[in-house]
N, C-alpha and C. Protein backbone atom coordinates (compact mmCIF):
# COMPACT_ATOMS: atom_id res chain seq x y z
N UNK A 1 78.71 94.62 83.74
CA UNK A 1 77.63 93.88 83.27
C UNK A 1 77.32 93.03 82.75
N UNK A 2 77.73 93.15 81.00
CA UNK A 2 77.65 91.94 80.27
C UNK A 2 78.90 90.67 80.71
N UNK A 3 79.97 90.89 81.67
CA UNK A 3 80.15 89.64 82.05
C UNK A 3 79.70 88.96 82.93
N UNK A 4 78.39 89.82 83.65
CA UNK A 4 77.61 89.54 84.81
C UNK A 4 76.88 88.73 83.53
N UNK A 5 75.68 89.06 82.72
CA UNK A 5 75.80 87.85 81.63
C UNK A 5 75.76 86.57 81.37
N UNK A 6 76.87 87.12 80.35
CA UNK A 6 77.22 85.71 80.07
C UNK A 6 78.14 84.40 81.43
N UNK A 7 77.97 84.93 82.89
CA UNK A 7 78.57 84.35 83.76
C UNK A 7 76.65 83.57 83.55
N UNK A 8 76.04 84.29 83.71
CA UNK A 8 74.60 83.56 84.23
C UNK A 8 74.35 82.83 83.36
N UNK A 9 74.62 83.29 81.88
CA UNK A 9 74.36 82.26 80.77
C UNK A 9 74.82 80.81 81.35
N UNK A 10 75.79 80.98 81.51
CA UNK A 10 76.90 79.72 81.26
C UNK A 10 76.30 79.23 82.34
N UNK A 11 75.70 79.36 83.48
CA UNK A 11 74.97 78.85 84.74
C UNK A 11 74.13 78.17 84.32
N UNK A 12 73.13 78.71 83.58
CA UNK A 12 71.83 78.09 83.07
C UNK A 12 72.15 77.17 82.23
N UNK A 13 73.47 76.72 81.09
CA UNK A 13 73.60 75.57 80.46
C UNK A 13 74.30 75.30 80.92
N UNK A 14 74.48 75.27 82.60
CA UNK A 14 75.35 73.63 83.26
C UNK A 14 76.29 74.12 83.23
N UNK A 15 77.25 75.22 83.35
CA UNK A 15 78.63 74.67 83.35
C UNK A 15 78.89 74.65 84.88
N UNK A 16 79.56 74.17 85.14
CA UNK A 16 79.89 73.36 87.32
C UNK A 16 80.49 75.73 87.33
N UNK A 17 79.85 75.58 88.73
CA UNK A 17 80.21 76.89 89.38
C UNK A 17 81.07 76.57 89.46
N UNK A 18 82.35 75.55 89.48
CA UNK A 18 83.72 76.28 89.94
C UNK A 18 84.35 76.81 89.24
N UNK A 19 84.15 75.99 87.51
CA UNK A 19 84.95 77.29 86.76
C UNK A 19 83.52 78.19 86.46
N UNK A 20 82.88 78.87 86.50
CA UNK A 20 82.67 79.95 86.92
C UNK A 20 83.55 81.08 87.96
N UNK A 21 83.78 80.51 88.73
CA UNK A 21 84.21 80.82 89.68
C UNK A 21 85.78 81.34 89.48
N UNK A 22 86.62 79.97 88.89
CA UNK A 22 87.71 80.28 88.35
C UNK A 22 87.68 81.62 87.77
N UNK A 23 86.69 81.39 86.17
CA UNK A 23 86.45 82.33 85.25
C UNK A 23 86.38 83.84 85.91
N UNK A 24 85.73 84.01 86.83
CA UNK A 24 85.45 84.85 87.67
C UNK A 24 85.98 85.34 88.54
N UNK A 25 87.13 84.49 89.11
CA UNK A 25 88.88 85.51 90.01
C UNK A 25 89.85 85.55 87.95
N UNK A 26 89.89 85.06 87.94
CA UNK A 26 90.97 85.42 86.95
C UNK A 26 90.47 86.79 85.75
N UNK A 27 88.66 87.28 85.87
CA UNK A 27 88.46 87.91 85.38
C UNK A 27 89.16 89.82 85.94
N UNK A 28 88.68 89.15 87.55
CA UNK A 28 89.18 90.15 88.09
C UNK A 28 91.04 90.61 88.18
N UNK A 29 91.50 89.76 88.57
CA UNK A 29 92.95 90.16 87.87
C UNK A 29 92.73 90.97 86.41
N UNK A 30 92.35 91.36 86.04
CA UNK A 30 92.27 91.96 84.30
C UNK A 30 91.30 92.97 84.77
N UNK A 31 90.76 93.03 84.99
CA UNK A 31 89.78 94.06 85.30
C UNK A 31 88.40 93.90 86.76
N UNK A 32 89.14 94.92 87.98
CA UNK A 32 88.90 94.66 89.70
C UNK A 32 87.67 95.16 88.94
N UNK A 33 86.53 95.42 89.53
CA UNK A 33 84.41 95.24 89.50
C UNK A 33 83.86 95.01 90.92
N UNK A 34 83.88 96.35 91.43
CA UNK A 34 82.72 95.72 92.45
C UNK A 34 81.38 94.29 92.20
N UNK A 35 80.91 95.12 91.06
CA UNK A 35 79.80 94.07 90.70
C UNK A 35 80.06 92.80 90.43
N UNK A 36 81.29 93.29 89.62
CA UNK A 36 82.16 91.11 89.69
C UNK A 36 82.19 90.60 90.90
N UNK A 37 83.14 91.46 91.98
CA UNK A 37 82.98 90.64 93.55
C UNK A 37 81.56 90.11 93.83
N UNK A 38 80.73 90.17 94.03
CA UNK A 38 79.71 90.43 94.27
C UNK A 38 79.03 89.10 93.96
N UNK A 39 79.02 89.48 92.56
CA UNK A 39 78.86 87.79 91.53
C UNK A 39 79.58 86.49 91.89
N UNK A 40 81.07 86.54 91.91
CA UNK A 40 81.68 85.74 91.90
C UNK A 40 81.29 85.50 94.00
N UNK A 41 81.33 86.38 94.46
CA UNK A 41 80.68 86.15 96.59
C UNK A 41 80.05 85.46 96.13
N UNK A 42 78.80 85.47 95.63
CA UNK A 42 78.17 84.99 95.48
C UNK A 42 77.94 83.39 95.32
N UNK A 43 78.25 83.11 93.79
CA UNK A 43 78.98 82.12 93.41
C UNK A 43 79.46 81.19 94.34
N UNK A 44 80.28 81.91 95.10
CA UNK A 44 81.14 80.74 96.24
C UNK A 44 80.34 80.34 97.74
N UNK A 45 79.44 81.51 97.63
CA UNK A 45 78.18 81.22 98.68
C UNK A 45 77.66 79.69 97.82
N UNK A 46 76.60 79.71 96.87
CA UNK A 46 75.97 78.44 96.71
C UNK A 46 77.40 77.29 96.35
N UNK A 47 78.16 77.95 96.19
CA UNK A 47 78.89 76.21 96.04
C UNK A 47 79.48 75.89 97.52
N UNK A 48 79.32 76.79 98.81
CA UNK A 48 79.69 76.38 99.83
C UNK A 48 81.15 76.69 99.80
N UNK A 49 81.61 77.63 99.37
CA UNK A 49 83.21 77.72 99.48
C UNK A 49 83.53 78.74 100.13
N UNK A 50 82.28 79.35 101.30
CA UNK A 50 82.14 80.61 101.90
C UNK A 50 83.90 81.32 102.99
N UNK A 51 84.78 80.81 102.82
CA UNK A 51 86.03 81.38 103.18
C UNK A 51 86.50 82.39 101.94
N UNK A 52 86.76 82.30 100.65
CA UNK A 52 86.62 82.32 99.45
C UNK A 52 85.36 83.87 99.42
N UNK A 53 83.98 83.44 99.77
CA UNK A 53 83.03 84.61 99.29
C UNK A 53 83.37 85.60 100.84
N UNK A 54 83.71 85.33 101.64
CA UNK A 54 83.99 85.86 102.75
C UNK A 54 84.98 86.48 102.40
N UNK A 55 86.65 86.18 101.92
CA UNK A 55 87.17 87.00 101.91
C UNK A 55 86.54 87.76 100.20
N UNK A 56 86.06 87.74 99.63
CA UNK A 56 85.89 88.59 98.31
C UNK A 56 84.99 90.14 99.09
N UNK A 57 83.98 89.78 99.54
CA UNK A 57 83.07 90.09 100.50
C UNK A 57 83.54 91.44 101.28
N UNK A 58 84.99 91.54 102.08
CA UNK A 58 86.18 92.00 102.42
C UNK A 58 86.37 92.90 101.23
N UNK A 59 87.19 92.58 100.68
CA UNK A 59 87.08 93.06 99.15
C UNK A 59 86.38 94.34 98.56
N UNK A 60 85.23 93.78 98.24
CA UNK A 60 83.87 94.85 98.33
C UNK A 60 84.19 95.99 99.28
N UNK A 61 84.23 95.58 100.87
CA UNK A 61 84.24 96.56 101.81
C UNK A 61 85.27 97.72 101.27
N UNK A 62 86.27 97.35 101.14
CA UNK A 62 87.60 97.68 101.26
C UNK A 62 88.04 98.72 99.68
N UNK A 63 87.03 98.24 98.69
CA UNK A 63 87.20 99.26 98.12
C UNK A 63 86.16 100.11 97.88
N UNK A 64 84.93 99.46 97.95
CA UNK A 64 83.52 100.64 97.69
C UNK A 64 83.40 102.01 98.38
N UNK A 65 83.50 102.83 97.56
CA UNK A 65 83.31 104.32 98.00
C UNK A 65 81.75 104.08 98.67
N UNK A 66 80.62 103.80 98.09
CA UNK A 66 79.14 103.25 98.63
C UNK A 66 79.28 102.54 99.53
N UNK A 67 78.17 103.42 100.83
CA UNK A 67 78.04 103.37 102.07
C UNK A 67 77.41 102.44 102.19
N UNK A 68 76.39 101.94 100.49
CA UNK A 68 74.87 100.96 100.93
C UNK A 68 75.77 99.95 100.64
N UNK A 69 77.30 100.04 99.29
CA UNK A 69 77.53 98.74 99.24
C UNK A 69 77.99 98.54 100.28
N UNK A 70 78.75 98.54 100.78
CA UNK A 70 79.61 98.31 101.85
C UNK A 70 78.97 97.56 102.88
N UNK A 71 77.90 98.06 103.36
CA UNK A 71 77.04 97.90 104.52
C UNK A 71 76.38 96.61 104.40
N UNK A 72 75.93 96.48 102.89
CA UNK A 72 75.27 94.87 102.54
C UNK A 72 76.80 93.68 102.33
N UNK A 73 77.45 94.47 101.58
CA UNK A 73 78.74 93.31 101.47
C UNK A 73 79.20 93.00 103.62
N UNK A 74 79.56 94.05 104.31
CA UNK A 74 79.15 93.43 105.80
C UNK A 74 77.92 92.53 105.93
N UNK A 75 76.80 93.05 105.80
CA UNK A 75 75.75 92.11 105.98
C UNK A 75 75.96 90.42 105.38
N UNK A 76 76.53 90.55 104.49
CA UNK A 76 77.09 89.07 103.67
C UNK A 76 77.97 88.42 104.83
N UNK A 77 78.60 89.58 104.89
CA UNK A 77 79.68 88.45 105.57
C UNK A 77 79.10 88.28 107.18
N UNK A 78 78.55 88.34 107.79
CA UNK A 78 78.19 88.33 109.70
C UNK A 78 76.73 87.37 108.55
N UNK A 79 76.52 86.98 107.58
CA UNK A 79 75.54 86.02 107.57
C UNK A 79 76.15 84.17 107.10
N UNK A 80 77.64 84.86 106.31
CA UNK A 80 78.07 83.34 106.48
C UNK A 80 78.23 83.47 108.01
N UNK A 81 79.39 84.22 109.00
CA UNK A 81 79.09 83.51 110.22
C UNK A 81 78.11 83.67 110.75
N UNK A 82 76.83 83.58 110.70
CA UNK A 82 75.92 82.65 111.04
C UNK A 82 75.43 81.34 110.60
N UNK A 83 76.20 81.37 109.27
CA UNK A 83 76.07 79.67 108.89
C UNK A 83 76.89 78.84 109.01
N UNK A 84 77.41 79.40 109.32
CA UNK A 84 78.94 78.86 110.07
C UNK A 84 78.82 78.62 111.28
N UNK A 85 77.95 79.40 112.38
CA UNK A 85 77.76 78.99 113.57
C UNK A 85 79.40 79.68 114.77
N UNK A 86 79.82 80.56 114.36
CA UNK A 86 80.63 81.22 114.71
C UNK A 86 80.15 82.91 115.42
N UNK A 87 78.48 81.78 116.66
CA UNK A 87 78.65 82.88 117.18
C UNK A 87 79.40 83.84 117.82
N UNK A 88 80.12 83.29 118.21
CA UNK A 88 81.07 84.97 119.05
C UNK A 88 81.81 86.04 118.44
N UNK A 89 82.17 85.09 116.80
CA UNK A 89 82.62 86.87 115.95
C UNK A 89 81.68 86.96 115.12
N UNK A 90 80.58 86.74 115.18
CA UNK A 90 79.06 87.27 114.46
C UNK A 90 79.34 88.61 115.60
N UNK A 91 78.73 87.91 116.49
CA UNK A 91 77.95 88.88 117.39
C UNK A 91 78.80 90.03 117.01
N UNK A 92 80.30 89.84 117.55
CA UNK A 92 81.17 91.14 117.52
C UNK A 92 80.81 92.56 116.09
N UNK A 93 81.56 91.13 114.30
CA UNK A 93 80.51 91.63 113.82
C UNK A 93 79.73 92.71 113.96
N UNK A 94 78.33 91.76 114.05
CA UNK A 94 77.04 92.64 114.07
C UNK A 94 76.87 94.20 114.29
N UNK A 95 77.95 94.40 115.82
CA UNK A 95 77.55 95.31 117.03
C UNK A 95 78.73 96.12 116.34
N UNK A 96 79.68 95.59 116.39
CA UNK A 96 80.31 96.36 114.68
C UNK A 96 79.42 97.68 114.14
N UNK A 97 78.97 96.62 113.27
CA UNK A 97 78.64 96.95 112.01
C UNK A 97 77.20 98.39 112.14
N UNK A 98 77.39 98.25 113.53
CA UNK A 98 76.18 99.25 114.15
C UNK A 98 76.48 101.01 113.69
N UNK A 99 77.86 100.82 114.40
CA UNK A 99 78.24 101.80 113.32
C UNK A 99 78.94 102.47 112.74
N UNK A 100 78.70 101.59 111.40
CA UNK A 100 78.79 101.66 110.94
C UNK A 100 78.47 103.43 110.02
N UNK A 101 78.48 103.88 108.77
CA UNK A 101 78.01 105.16 108.36
C UNK A 101 76.58 104.60 107.99
N UNK A 102 76.35 103.20 107.06
CA UNK A 102 75.02 102.74 106.93
C UNK A 102 75.17 101.61 106.89
N UNK A 103 74.17 101.41 107.41
CA UNK A 103 73.83 99.76 108.47
C UNK A 103 72.94 98.52 107.51
N UNK A 104 73.02 98.17 106.91
CA UNK A 104 72.42 97.15 106.13
C UNK A 104 70.92 96.98 107.03
N UNK A 105 69.35 97.21 106.98
CA UNK A 105 69.10 96.73 108.24
C UNK A 105 68.93 94.90 107.79
N UNK A 106 69.84 94.39 107.31
CA UNK A 106 69.74 92.76 107.57
C UNK A 106 70.32 92.65 108.75
N UNK A 107 71.00 93.39 109.04
CA UNK A 107 71.85 93.71 110.31
C UNK A 107 70.93 93.59 111.61
N UNK A 108 70.29 94.57 111.98
CA UNK A 108 69.93 94.51 113.04
C UNK A 108 68.83 93.09 113.13
N UNK A 109 68.56 92.38 111.49
CA UNK A 109 67.59 91.02 111.73
C UNK A 109 68.34 90.26 112.31
N UNK A 110 69.50 90.52 111.68
CA UNK A 110 70.57 89.32 112.38
C UNK A 110 70.76 89.12 113.82
N UNK A 111 71.28 90.87 114.44
CA UNK A 111 71.22 90.69 115.57
C UNK A 111 70.07 90.71 116.40
N UNK A 112 68.95 90.50 115.95
CA UNK A 112 67.78 90.30 116.85
C UNK A 112 67.56 89.27 116.83
N UNK A 113 67.97 87.83 116.13
CA UNK A 113 68.05 86.83 116.37
C UNK A 113 68.67 86.02 116.50
N UNK A 114 70.09 86.96 116.80
CA UNK A 114 70.97 85.84 117.38
C UNK A 114 70.92 86.36 118.78
N UNK A 115 70.18 86.97 119.58
CA UNK A 115 70.22 87.58 120.74
C UNK A 115 68.83 86.58 121.31
N UNK A 116 68.01 86.51 120.43
CA UNK A 116 66.73 85.90 120.84
C UNK A 116 67.07 84.48 120.78
N UNK A 117 67.90 83.82 120.32
CA UNK A 117 69.10 82.79 119.62
C UNK A 117 69.19 81.97 121.10
N UNK A 118 69.81 83.39 121.24
CA UNK A 118 70.86 83.03 122.65
C UNK A 118 70.30 83.59 124.18
N UNK A 119 68.88 84.11 123.63
CA UNK A 119 68.06 84.12 125.46
C UNK A 119 68.66 85.05 126.07
N UNK A 120 69.27 86.49 125.41
CA UNK A 120 69.82 87.86 125.91
C UNK A 120 69.61 88.87 125.14
N UNK A 121 69.45 89.67 126.04
CA UNK A 121 69.43 91.44 125.58
C UNK A 121 68.28 91.24 124.91
N UNK A 122 67.22 90.66 125.55
CA UNK A 122 65.95 90.35 124.42
C UNK A 122 65.41 91.51 124.61
N UNK A 123 64.87 92.83 124.67
CA UNK A 123 64.43 94.27 124.99
C UNK A 123 65.12 95.45 123.57
N UNK A 124 66.56 94.86 123.57
CA UNK A 124 67.33 95.46 122.91
C UNK A 124 67.00 94.36 121.48
N UNK A 125 66.52 92.99 121.51
CA UNK A 125 66.75 92.83 120.18
C UNK A 125 64.92 93.49 119.22
N UNK A 126 64.04 93.52 120.23
CA UNK A 126 62.98 93.91 119.70
C UNK A 126 63.22 95.46 118.52
N UNK A 127 63.83 96.33 120.01
CA UNK A 127 64.50 97.53 119.63
C UNK A 127 64.97 97.39 118.26
N UNK A 128 65.77 96.46 117.89
CA UNK A 128 66.51 96.31 116.31
C UNK A 128 66.02 95.50 115.21
N UNK A 129 64.65 94.93 116.08
CA UNK A 129 64.04 94.25 114.52
C UNK A 129 62.67 95.36 114.06
N UNK A 130 62.69 96.09 115.17
CA UNK A 130 61.93 97.72 115.10
C UNK A 130 62.56 98.13 113.99
N UNK A 131 63.64 98.48 114.04
CA UNK A 131 64.88 99.10 113.30
C UNK A 131 64.37 98.89 111.55
N UNK A 132 64.89 97.38 111.67
CA UNK A 132 64.98 96.53 110.51
C UNK A 132 63.32 96.98 109.94
N UNK A 133 62.66 96.84 110.20
CA UNK A 133 61.16 96.59 109.67
C UNK A 133 60.31 98.42 109.61
N UNK A 134 61.42 98.97 110.01
CA UNK A 134 60.91 100.83 109.61
C UNK A 134 61.16 100.98 108.10
N UNK A 135 62.45 99.48 107.80
CA UNK A 135 62.76 99.55 105.71
C UNK A 135 62.11 99.63 105.15
N UNK A 136 61.73 97.57 105.74
CA UNK A 136 60.88 97.22 105.58
C UNK A 136 59.55 96.06 106.06
N UNK A 137 58.22 97.35 106.01
CA UNK A 137 57.56 96.90 106.68
C UNK A 137 56.25 95.85 106.95
N UNK A 138 57.09 95.13 105.48
CA UNK A 138 56.19 93.55 105.48
C UNK A 138 56.97 92.41 104.81
N UNK A 139 59.13 92.84 105.79
CA UNK A 139 58.70 91.24 104.96
C UNK A 139 59.08 90.78 105.87
N UNK A 140 58.27 89.55 105.32
CA UNK A 140 58.39 88.46 105.82
C UNK A 140 59.03 87.58 107.34
N UNK A 141 60.80 87.74 106.28
CA UNK A 141 61.85 87.60 107.41
C UNK A 141 61.77 88.58 108.64
N UNK A 142 62.19 89.65 108.98
CA UNK A 142 61.70 90.58 109.47
C UNK A 142 61.19 90.45 110.58
N UNK A 143 59.55 90.60 109.90
CA UNK A 143 58.30 89.86 110.89
C UNK A 143 58.17 88.82 111.41
N UNK A 144 58.86 87.28 111.16
CA UNK A 144 59.44 85.94 111.35
C UNK A 144 60.11 86.50 113.25
N UNK A 145 61.64 87.70 112.46
CA UNK A 145 62.27 87.85 113.28
C UNK A 145 61.64 88.18 115.00
N UNK A 146 60.96 89.60 115.02
CA UNK A 146 59.77 89.80 115.26
C UNK A 146 59.12 88.99 116.06
N UNK A 147 58.09 88.05 115.49
CA UNK A 147 57.58 87.26 116.80
C UNK A 147 58.58 86.22 117.03
N UNK A 148 60.05 85.74 116.41
CA UNK A 148 60.76 84.82 117.35
C UNK A 148 60.54 85.65 118.99
N UNK A 149 61.08 86.87 118.84
CA UNK A 149 61.73 87.71 119.86
C UNK A 149 60.43 87.89 121.08
N UNK A 150 59.60 87.77 120.33
CA UNK A 150 58.48 88.04 121.08
C UNK A 150 58.11 87.33 122.08
N UNK A 151 58.00 85.80 121.34
CA UNK A 151 57.99 85.14 122.46
C UNK A 151 58.83 84.65 123.36
N UNK A 152 60.13 84.86 122.78
CA UNK A 152 60.83 84.47 124.30
C UNK A 152 61.07 85.51 125.15
N UNK A 153 60.35 87.07 124.64
CA UNK A 153 59.77 87.79 126.06
C UNK A 153 58.56 87.17 126.45
N UNK A 154 57.80 86.17 125.94
CA UNK A 154 56.86 85.47 126.93
C UNK A 154 55.06 86.51 126.39
N UNK A 155 55.45 87.31 125.02
CA UNK A 155 54.11 87.98 124.30
C UNK A 155 54.12 86.93 123.15
N UNK A 156 53.72 85.83 124.03
CA UNK A 156 53.32 85.10 122.60
C UNK A 156 51.72 85.43 121.54
N UNK A 157 50.66 86.26 122.79
CA UNK A 157 49.72 86.79 121.61
C UNK A 157 50.32 87.35 120.24
N UNK A 158 51.36 88.03 120.77
CA UNK A 158 51.79 89.85 120.08
C UNK A 158 51.84 89.48 118.94
N UNK A 159 53.26 87.97 119.54
CA UNK A 159 53.73 87.00 118.52
C UNK A 159 52.95 86.44 117.33
N UNK A 160 51.79 85.88 117.74
CA UNK A 160 51.23 85.38 116.41
C UNK A 160 50.48 86.00 116.10
N UNK A 161 49.58 87.58 115.74
CA UNK A 161 50.09 88.60 115.03
C UNK A 161 50.79 88.85 113.56
N UNK A 162 51.90 88.93 114.71
CA UNK A 162 53.21 89.31 113.78
C UNK A 162 53.26 88.03 112.75
N UNK A 163 53.20 86.92 113.45
CA UNK A 163 53.87 85.74 112.83
C UNK A 163 52.62 85.04 111.45
N UNK A 164 50.67 85.39 111.89
CA UNK A 164 50.21 85.71 111.36
C UNK A 164 50.31 86.83 110.12
N UNK A 165 50.54 87.51 109.77
CA UNK A 165 50.59 88.63 109.27
C UNK A 165 52.26 88.20 108.18
N UNK A 166 53.66 87.77 108.32
CA UNK A 166 53.95 87.20 107.80
C UNK A 166 54.00 85.83 107.00
N UNK A 167 52.86 85.22 107.15
CA UNK A 167 52.67 83.76 106.84
C UNK A 167 51.51 84.46 105.81
N UNK A 168 51.03 85.33 106.22
CA UNK A 168 50.62 85.84 105.19
C UNK A 168 51.41 86.77 103.75
N UNK A 169 52.39 87.06 103.82
CA UNK A 169 52.94 87.62 103.06
C UNK A 169 54.01 87.12 102.19
N UNK A 170 54.18 85.62 102.99
CA UNK A 170 55.16 84.53 102.56
C UNK A 170 54.34 83.15 102.82
N UNK A 171 53.46 83.05 102.31
CA UNK A 171 52.54 81.61 102.38
C UNK A 171 53.52 80.73 102.67
N UNK A 172 54.30 80.50 101.53
CA UNK A 172 55.23 79.50 100.75
C UNK A 172 56.30 78.88 101.79
N UNK A 173 56.98 79.88 102.44
CA UNK A 173 58.31 80.62 103.77
C UNK A 173 57.56 78.84 104.67
N UNK A 174 58.84 77.82 104.19
CA UNK A 174 58.30 76.31 105.47
C UNK A 174 59.03 77.17 106.87
N UNK A 175 59.43 77.88 107.55
CA UNK A 175 60.35 77.56 108.42
C UNK A 175 58.97 78.61 109.08
N UNK A 176 57.71 79.85 108.34
CA UNK A 176 56.73 80.84 108.63
C UNK A 176 56.53 79.65 108.92
N UNK A 177 55.89 78.85 108.50
CA UNK A 177 54.34 77.85 108.33
C UNK A 177 54.78 76.71 109.44
N UNK A 178 56.21 76.57 110.03
CA UNK A 178 56.49 76.25 110.98
C UNK A 178 56.56 76.09 112.21
N UNK A 179 56.62 77.51 112.33
CA UNK A 179 56.14 78.60 112.89
C UNK A 179 55.32 78.64 113.85
N UNK A 180 54.27 79.35 112.62
CA UNK A 180 53.25 79.71 112.79
C UNK A 180 52.61 78.32 113.02
N UNK A 181 52.43 77.26 112.87
CA UNK A 181 51.56 75.97 113.02
C UNK A 181 51.74 75.91 114.81
N UNK A 182 53.26 75.91 115.45
CA UNK A 182 54.05 75.83 116.44
C UNK A 182 53.62 76.72 117.22
N UNK A 183 53.24 77.91 116.89
CA UNK A 183 52.42 78.98 117.64
C UNK A 183 50.98 79.32 118.13
N UNK A 184 50.83 78.75 117.07
CA UNK A 184 48.96 78.34 117.64
C UNK A 184 48.77 77.28 117.90
N UNK A 185 49.77 76.44 118.33
CA UNK A 185 49.39 75.14 119.15
C UNK A 185 49.89 75.67 120.72
N UNK A 186 49.77 76.54 121.08
CA UNK A 186 50.94 77.04 121.90
C UNK A 186 49.66 78.40 122.78
N UNK A 187 49.12 78.65 121.89
CA UNK A 187 48.01 79.19 122.56
C UNK A 187 46.65 79.20 123.07
């Protein structure tokens, strides 16, 4: 934890992220740590070094004995695939993640969004987003995904109510604002 504090201080002082990543990798060679792996992976994402981030999250999944930590690392890998537009690989990993000991709620959300984007398995997508919402009932991104899927199912009034709730919980979220305005114009 002290090392993470030092990295955060260095970052706040303007030390380039690439130098922090190099220092983190060197530290990991001397003292492996799941927490440090996650921190360096997050720095890699910030630096847009997605291949190294994916490798580091993969290492977390191999090293950690904690099912919740593994589930979060699995979600991060899937989110990286989503950001890179690797839809086929993304769907395979998301579906595989559903069979894990623990499933991060973000997996349900991302799979629901993926299905909505591709206009397939929409009833299953709605079921998945409901599972995510069980864990975080007022989480604006999950509510946004539910509204998105409801629109795809042709349930615009229901989607409007859900999106209005998301907008109340995240009034400064630009994507939710845009979708809320667009949906209002459709009603």
